[in-house]
Amino acid sequence: MSSGNGLSHNYNQRYNDLHALCEKGGEKLHACEDGARALLDDKNLPRIHHIKTLLLLATIVALVDEAWDMRQEAETLWHVERRVNSEGQDTRLDSNLDELSGALQQIKLVLSEELVAKHQDSAECDEAPAAMQPEGHKWSTDGILRDSDAKCLKEEREFHRRGARSLKRICEDALEESKSAGTSGR
């Protein structure tokens, strides 16, 4: 795939437009979700943009299981990108991937908390797997999601959404710098 400036700029613009819809919230989230899904269907979408779009979608989809799957796909793509572009070859790309790694970890924590809460009532999940249990958090054992836990989950997800917006800007700056340096980001 050719990754000239025009192509990268096109994907940046499409992602920025989606992100603007996400920030507006409300009914615009549906348009953002539809647009993000369409962008992900683009076979020429650079891997970095694919990761960012998956993370954006994971913060707005209604189903936590779907958001978890998107996070897993984004994490897999991050590992592929890291293998293709070994650490130390491009400091700007390294910084970009470090930021994406942080976002992946944040969303993993937020979504794992939501999954634990969702599955706490399930007979199959009498005890949440250690990988899904937020470190240091003690869940109620009677299967009832306490108001404080629900509030915490809501705040964590909103924190991630705000963080994703900031991360988006950082990533796009890094992509622009990579593009200027002649790196394709794919």
C-alpha atoms as a PDB file:
ATOM      1  CA  MET A   1       0.000   0.000   0.000  1.00  0.00           C
ATOM      2  CA  SER A   2       1.259   3.401  -0.872  1.00  0.00           C
ATOM      3  CA  SER A   3       1.207   5.670   2.110  1.00  0.00           C
ATOM      4  CA  GLY A   4       1.744   9.084   0.632  1.00  0.00           C
ATOM      5  CA  ASN A   5       0.952  12.268   2.480  1.00  0.00           C
ATOM      6  CA  GLY A   6      -2.466  12.578   0.824  1.00  0.00           C
ATOM      7  CA  LEU A   7      -3.525   9.086   1.908  1.00  0.00           C
ATOM      8  CA  SER A   8      -2.361   9.560   5.489  1.00  0.00           C
ATOM      9  CA  HIS A   9      -4.022  12.977   5.599  1.00  0.00           C
ATOM     10  CA  ASN A  10      -7.265  11.422   4.319  1.00  0.00           C
ATOM     11  CA  TYR A  11      -7.284   8.846   7.149  1.00  0.00           C
ATOM     12  CA  ASN A  12      -6.355  11.477   9.705  1.00  0.00           C
ATOM     13  CA  GLN A  13      -9.235  13.647   8.514  1.00  0.00           C
ATOM     14  CA  ARG A  14     -11.722  10.774   8.535  1.00  0.00           C
ATOM     15  CA  TYR A  15     -10.664   9.804  12.060  1.00  0.00           C
ATOM     16  CA  ASN A  16     -10.787  13.435  13.230  1.00  0.00           C
ATOM     17  CA  ASP A  17     -14.317  13.766  11.853  1.00  0.00           C
ATOM     18  CA  LEU A  18     -15.396  10.645  13.722  1.00  0.00           C
ATOM     19  CA  HIS A  19     -13.749  11.845  16.892  1.00  0.00           C
ATOM     20  CA  ALA A  20     -15.556  15.192  16.600  1.00  0.00           C
ATOM     21  CA  LEU A  21     -18.868  13.332  16.347  1.00  0.00           C
ATOM     22  CA  CYS A  22     -17.941  11.311  19.431  1.00  0.00           C
ATOM     23  CA  GLU A  23     -17.166  14.456  21.406  1.00  0.00           C
ATOM     24  CA  LYS A  24     -20.571  15.909  20.518  1.00  0.00           C
ATOM     25  CA  GLY A  25     -22.223  12.844  22.055  1.00  0.00           C
ATOM     26  CA  GLY A  26     -25.941  12.161  22.006  1.00  0.00           C
ATOM     27  CA  GLU A  27     -27.333  11.168  18.636  1.00  0.00           C
ATOM     28  CA  LYS A  28     -23.956  11.937  17.040  1.00  0.00           C
ATOM     29  CA  LEU A  29     -22.589   8.780  18.671  1.00  0.00           C
ATOM     30  CA  HIS A  30     -24.648   6.668  16.284  1.00  0.00           C
ATOM     31  CA  ALA A  31     -23.144   8.481  13.305  1.00  0.00           C
ATOM     32  CA  CYS A  32     -19.696   8.097  14.866  1.00  0.00           C
ATOM     33  CA  GLU A  33     -20.207   4.369  15.362  1.00  0.00           C
ATOM     34  CA  ASP A  34     -21.466   3.864  11.796  1.00  0.00           C
ATOM     35  CA  GLY A  35     -18.600   5.918  10.372  1.00  0.00           C
ATOM     36  CA  ALA A  36     -15.999   4.111  12.483  1.00  0.00           C
ATOM     37  CA  ARG A  37     -17.291   0.723  11.360  1.00  0.00           C
ATOM     38  CA  ALA A  38     -17.136   1.899   7.735  1.00  0.00           C
ATOM     39  CA  LEU A  39     -13.573   3.148   8.254  1.00  0.00           C
ATOM     40  CA  LEU A  40     -12.559  -0.228   9.698  1.00  0.00           C
ATOM     41  CA  ASP A  41     -13.899  -1.890   6.539  1.00  0.00           C
ATOM     42  CA  ASP A  42     -11.357   0.057   4.458  1.00  0.00           C
ATOM     43  CA  LYS A  43      -8.736  -2.502   3.423  1.00  0.00           C
ATOM     44  CA  ASN A  44      -6.079   0.224   3.088  1.00  0.00           C
ATOM     45  CA  LEU A  45      -6.555   1.656   6.576  1.00  0.00           C
ATOM     46  CA  PRO A  46      -3.114   1.983   8.177  1.00  0.00           C
ATOM     47  CA  ARG A  47      -2.647  -0.200  11.240  1.00  0.00           C
ATOM     48  CA  ILE A  48      -2.190   2.760  13.610  1.00  0.00           C
ATOM     49  CA  HIS A  49      -5.492   4.257  12.431  1.00  0.00           C
ATOM     50  CA  HIS A  50      -7.116   0.843  12.756  1.00  0.00           C
ATOM     51  CA  ILE A  51      -5.995   0.621  16.393  1.00  0.00           C
ATOM     52  CA  LYS A  52      -7.173   4.150  17.163  1.00  0.00           C
ATOM     53  CA  THR A  53     -10.550   3.571  15.499  1.00  0.00           C
ATOM     54  CA  LEU A  54     -11.074   0.335  17.423  1.00  0.00           C
ATOM     55  CA  LEU A  55     -10.302   2.143  20.676  1.00  0.00           C
ATOM     56  CA  LEU A  56     -12.713   4.935  19.766  1.00  0.00           C
ATOM     57  CA  LEU A  57     -15.439   2.402  19.023  1.00  0.00           C
ATOM     58  CA  ALA A  58     -14.728   0.483  22.226  1.00  0.00           C
ATOM     59  CA  THR A  59     -15.511   3.627  24.221  1.00  0.00           C
ATOM     60  CA  ILE A  60     -18.914   4.182  22.607  1.00  0.00           C
ATOM     61  CA  VAL A  61     -20.471   0.806  21.809  1.00  0.00           C
ATOM     62  CA  ALA A  62     -23.298  -0.198  24.115  1.00  0.00           C
ATOM     63  CA  LEU A  63     -22.255  -3.815  24.689  1.00  0.00           C
ATOM     64  CA  VAL A  64     -19.282  -4.317  26.966  1.00  0.00           C
ATOM     65  CA  ASP A  65     -18.529  -7.716  25.376  1.00  0.00           C
ATOM     66  CA  GLU A  66     -18.257  -6.077  21.965  1.00  0.00           C
ATOM     67  CA  ALA A  67     -16.040  -3.346  23.400  1.00  0.00           C
ATOM     68  CA  TRP A  68     -13.811  -6.038  24.948  1.00  0.00           C
ATOM     69  CA  ASP A  69     -13.465  -7.787  21.580  1.00  0.00           C
ATOM     70  CA  MET A  70     -12.500  -4.496  19.939  1.00  0.00           C
ATOM     71  CA  ARG A  71      -9.902  -3.887  22.631  1.00  0.00           C
ATOM     72  CA  GLN A  72      -8.454  -7.361  22.053  1.00  0.00           C
ATOM     73  CA  GLU A  73      -8.260  -6.768  18.305  1.00  0.00           C
ATOM     74  CA  ALA A  74      -6.582  -3.392  18.875  1.00  0.00           C
ATOM     75  CA  GLU A  75      -4.074  -5.009  21.227  1.00  0.00           C
ATOM     76  CA  THR A  76      -3.279  -7.711  18.674  1.00  0.00           C
ATOM     77  CA  LEU A  77      -2.729  -5.076  15.993  1.00  0.00           C
ATOM     78  CA  TRP A  78      -0.512  -3.126  18.396  1.00  0.00           C
ATOM     79  CA  HIS A  79       1.682  -6.234  18.828  1.00  0.00           C
ATOM     80  CA  VAL A  80       1.866  -6.692  15.060  1.00  0.00           C
ATOM     81  CA  GLU A  81       2.872  -3.044  14.623  1.00  0.00           C
ATOM     82  CA  ARG A  82       5.523  -3.416  17.320  1.00  0.00           C
ATOM     83  CA  ARG A  83       6.954  -6.523  15.595  1.00  0.00           C
ATOM     84  CA  VAL A  84       7.028  -4.825  12.203  1.00  0.00           C
ATOM     85  CA  ASN A  85       8.604  -1.670  13.644  1.00  0.00           C
ATOM     86  CA  SER A  86      11.072  -2.789  16.288  1.00  0.00           C
ATOM     87  CA  GLU A  87      11.602  -0.518  19.251  1.00  0.00           C
ATOM     88  CA  GLY A  88      14.434   1.930  18.767  1.00  0.00           C
ATOM     89  CA  GLN A  89      14.133   2.267  14.979  1.00  0.00           C
ATOM     90  CA  ASP A  90      11.853   5.309  15.089  1.00  0.00           C
ATOM     91  CA  THR A  91      11.551   7.243  18.350  1.00  0.00           C
ATOM     92  CA  ARG A  92       8.395   9.047  17.223  1.00  0.00           C
ATOM     93  CA  LEU A  93       6.666   5.805  16.348  1.00  0.00           C
ATOM     94  CA  ASP A  94       7.929   4.321  19.625  1.00  0.00           C
ATOM     95  CA  SER A  95       6.325   7.207  21.492  1.00  0.00           C
ATOM     96  CA  ASN A  96       3.093   6.769  19.550  1.00  0.00           C
ATOM     97  CA  LEU A  97       3.004   3.046  20.299  1.00  0.00           C
ATOM     98  CA  ASP A  98       3.781   3.711  23.970  1.00  0.00           C
ATOM     99  CA  GLU A  99       0.799   6.057  24.149  1.00  0.00           C
ATOM    100  CA  LEU A 100      -1.435   3.496  22.443  1.00  0.00           C
ATOM    101  CA  SER A 101      -0.181   0.852  24.861  1.00  0.00           C
ATOM    102  CA  GLY A 102      -1.233   3.071  27.754  1.00  0.00           C
ATOM    103  CA  ALA A 103      -4.680   3.563  26.214  1.00  0.00           C
ATOM    104  CA  LEU A 104      -5.025  -0.176  25.703  1.00  0.00           C
ATOM    105  CA  GLN A 105      -4.207  -0.792  29.362  1.00  0.00           C
ATOM    106  CA  GLN A 106      -6.653   1.890  30.512  1.00  0.00           C
ATOM    107  CA  ILE A 107      -9.506   0.519  28.482  1.00  0.00           C
ATOM    108  CA  LYS A 108      -8.659  -3.028  29.569  1.00  0.00           C
ATOM    109  CA  LEU A 109      -9.030  -1.987  33.198  1.00  0.00           C
ATOM    110  CA  VAL A 110     -12.283  -0.102  32.610  1.00  0.00           C
ATOM    111  CA  LEU A 111     -13.855  -2.853  30.540  1.00  0.00           C
ATOM    112  CA  SER A 112     -12.682  -5.608  32.876  1.00  0.00           C
ATOM    113  CA  GLU A 113     -14.441  -3.817  35.737  1.00  0.00           C
ATOM    114  CA  GLU A 114     -17.608  -3.600  33.667  1.00  0.00           C
ATOM    115  CA  LEU A 115     -17.355  -7.274  32.704  1.00  0.00           C
ATOM    116  CA  VAL A 116     -16.867  -8.298  36.330  1.00  0.00           C
ATOM    117  CA  ALA A 117     -19.957  -6.311  37.295  1.00  0.00           C
ATOM    118  CA  LYS A 118     -21.933  -7.794  34.408  1.00  0.00           C
ATOM    119  CA  HIS A 119     -20.989 -11.348  35.205  1.00  0.00           C
ATOM    120  CA  GLN A 120     -21.161 -11.146  38.972  1.00  0.00           C
ATOM    121  CA  ASP A 121     -24.746 -12.383  38.977  1.00  0.00           C
ATOM    122  CA  SER A 122     -23.912 -15.266  36.666  1.00  0.00           C
ATOM    123  CA  ALA A 123     -23.707 -18.708  38.234  1.00  0.00           C
ATOM    124  CA  GLU A 124     -20.752 -19.548  35.965  1.00  0.00           C
ATOM    125  CA  CYS A 125     -18.787 -16.623  37.372  1.00  0.00           C
ATOM    126  CA  ASP A 126     -18.961 -17.150  41.119  1.00  0.00           C
ATOM    127  CA  GLU A 127     -15.468 -15.752  41.262  1.00  0.00           C
ATOM    128  CA  ALA A 128     -14.118 -13.317  38.666  1.00  0.00           C
ATOM    129  CA  PRO A 129     -10.929 -14.438  36.923  1.00  0.00           C
ATOM    130  CA  ALA A 130      -7.866 -12.704  38.313  1.00  0.00           C
ATOM    131  CA  ALA A 131      -7.143 -11.072  34.938  1.00  0.00           C
ATOM    132  CA  MET A 132     -10.522  -9.331  35.061  1.00  0.00           C
ATOM    133  CA  GLN A 133     -10.374  -8.276  38.724  1.00  0.00           C
ATOM    134  CA  PRO A 134      -9.202  -4.670  39.161  1.00  0.00           C
ATOM    135  CA  GLU A 135      -6.159  -4.590  41.384  1.00  0.00           C
ATOM    136  CA  GLY A 136      -6.976  -3.659  44.956  1.00  0.00           C
ATOM    137  CA  HIS A 137     -10.747  -3.524  44.403  1.00  0.00           C
ATOM    138  CA  LYS A 138     -12.979  -5.589  46.661  1.00  0.00           C
ATOM    139  CA  TRP A 139     -16.275  -6.483  45.018  1.00  0.00           C
ATOM    140  CA  SER A 140     -19.326  -7.341  47.060  1.00  0.00           C
ATOM    141  CA  THR A 141     -19.778 -11.087  47.355  1.00  0.00           C
ATOM    142  CA  ASP A 142     -23.565 -11.118  47.387  1.00  0.00           C
ATOM    143  CA  GLY A 143     -23.834 -10.406  43.641  1.00  0.00           C
ATOM    144  CA  ILE A 144     -25.214  -6.911  44.089  1.00  0.00           C
ATOM    145  CA  LEU A 145     -23.470  -4.059  42.351  1.00  0.00           C
ATOM    146  CA  ARG A 146     -23.213  -1.355  44.967  1.00  0.00           C
ATOM    147  CA  ASP A 147     -23.907   2.270  44.084  1.00  0.00           C
ATOM    148  CA  SER A 148     -20.300   3.130  44.883  1.00  0.00           C
ATOM    149  CA  ASP A 149     -19.058   0.416  42.489  1.00  0.00           C
ATOM    150  CA  ALA A 150     -21.444   1.539  39.754  1.00  0.00           C
ATOM    151  CA  LYS A 151     -20.350   5.142  40.213  1.00  0.00           C
ATOM    152  CA  CYS A 152     -16.697   4.087  40.094  1.00  0.00           C
ATOM    153  CA  LEU A 153     -17.251   2.137  36.866  1.00  0.00           C
ATOM    154  CA  LYS A 154     -19.047   5.058  35.266  1.00  0.00           C
ATOM    155  CA  GLU A 155     -16.306   7.487  36.303  1.00  0.00           C
ATOM    156  CA  GLU A 156     -13.564   5.158  35.058  1.00  0.00           C
ATOM    157  CA  ARG A 157     -15.214   4.760  31.661  1.00  0.00           C
ATOM    158  CA  GLU A 158     -15.720   8.526  31.357  1.00  0.00           C
ATOM    159  CA  PHE A 159     -12.098   9.064  32.421  1.00  0.00           C
ATOM    160  CA  HIS A 160     -11.003   6.725  29.642  1.00  0.00           C
ATOM    161  CA  ARG A 161     -13.183   8.504  27.110  1.00  0.00           C
ATOM    162  CA  ARG A 162     -11.579  11.825  28.040  1.00  0.00           C
ATOM    163  CA  GLY A 163      -8.150  10.180  27.977  1.00  0.00           C
ATOM    164  CA  ALA A 164      -8.847   8.710  24.544  1.00  0.00           C
ATOM    165  CA  ARG A 165      -9.600  12.189  23.240  1.00  0.00           C
ATOM    166  CA  SER A 166      -6.236  13.453  24.534  1.00  0.00           C
ATOM    167  CA  LEU A 167      -4.509  10.326  23.299  1.00  0.00           C
ATOM    168  CA  LYS A 168      -6.033  10.859  19.864  1.00  0.00           C
ATOM    169  CA  ARG A 169      -4.353  14.240  19.634  1.00  0.00           C
ATOM    170  CA  ILE A 170      -1.006  12.860  20.807  1.00  0.00           C
ATOM    171  CA  CYS A 171      -1.203   9.974  18.335  1.00  0.00           C
ATOM    172  CA  GLU A 172      -2.087  12.199  15.450  1.00  0.00           C
ATOM    173  CA  ASP A 173       0.807  14.527  16.260  1.00  0.00           C
ATOM    174  CA  ALA A 174       3.138  11.528  16.315  1.00  0.00           C
ATOM    175  CA  LEU A 175       1.698  10.282  13.032  1.00  0.00           C
ATOM    176  CA  GLU A 176       2.199  13.679  11.449  1.00  0.00           C
ATOM    177  CA  GLU A 177       5.800  13.726  12.658  1.00  0.00           C
ATOM    178  CA  SER A 178       6.321  10.191  11.345  1.00  0.00           C
ATOM    179  CA  LYS A 179       4.792  11.162   8.040  1.00  0.00           C
ATOM    180  CA  SER A 180       7.113  14.172   7.831  1.00  0.00           C
ATOM    181  CA  ALA A 181      10.056  11.921   8.565  1.00  0.00           C
ATOM    182  CA  GLY A 182       8.987   9.574   5.766  1.00  0.00           C
ATOM    183  CA  THR A 183       7.557   6.803   7.957  1.00  0.00           C
ATOM    184  CA  SER A 184       4.269   5.339   6.790  1.00  0.00           C
ATOM    185  CA  GLY A 185       2.871   4.304  10.207  1.00  0.00           C
ATOM    186  CA  ARG A 186       2.007   0.878   8.820  1.00  0.00           C
END
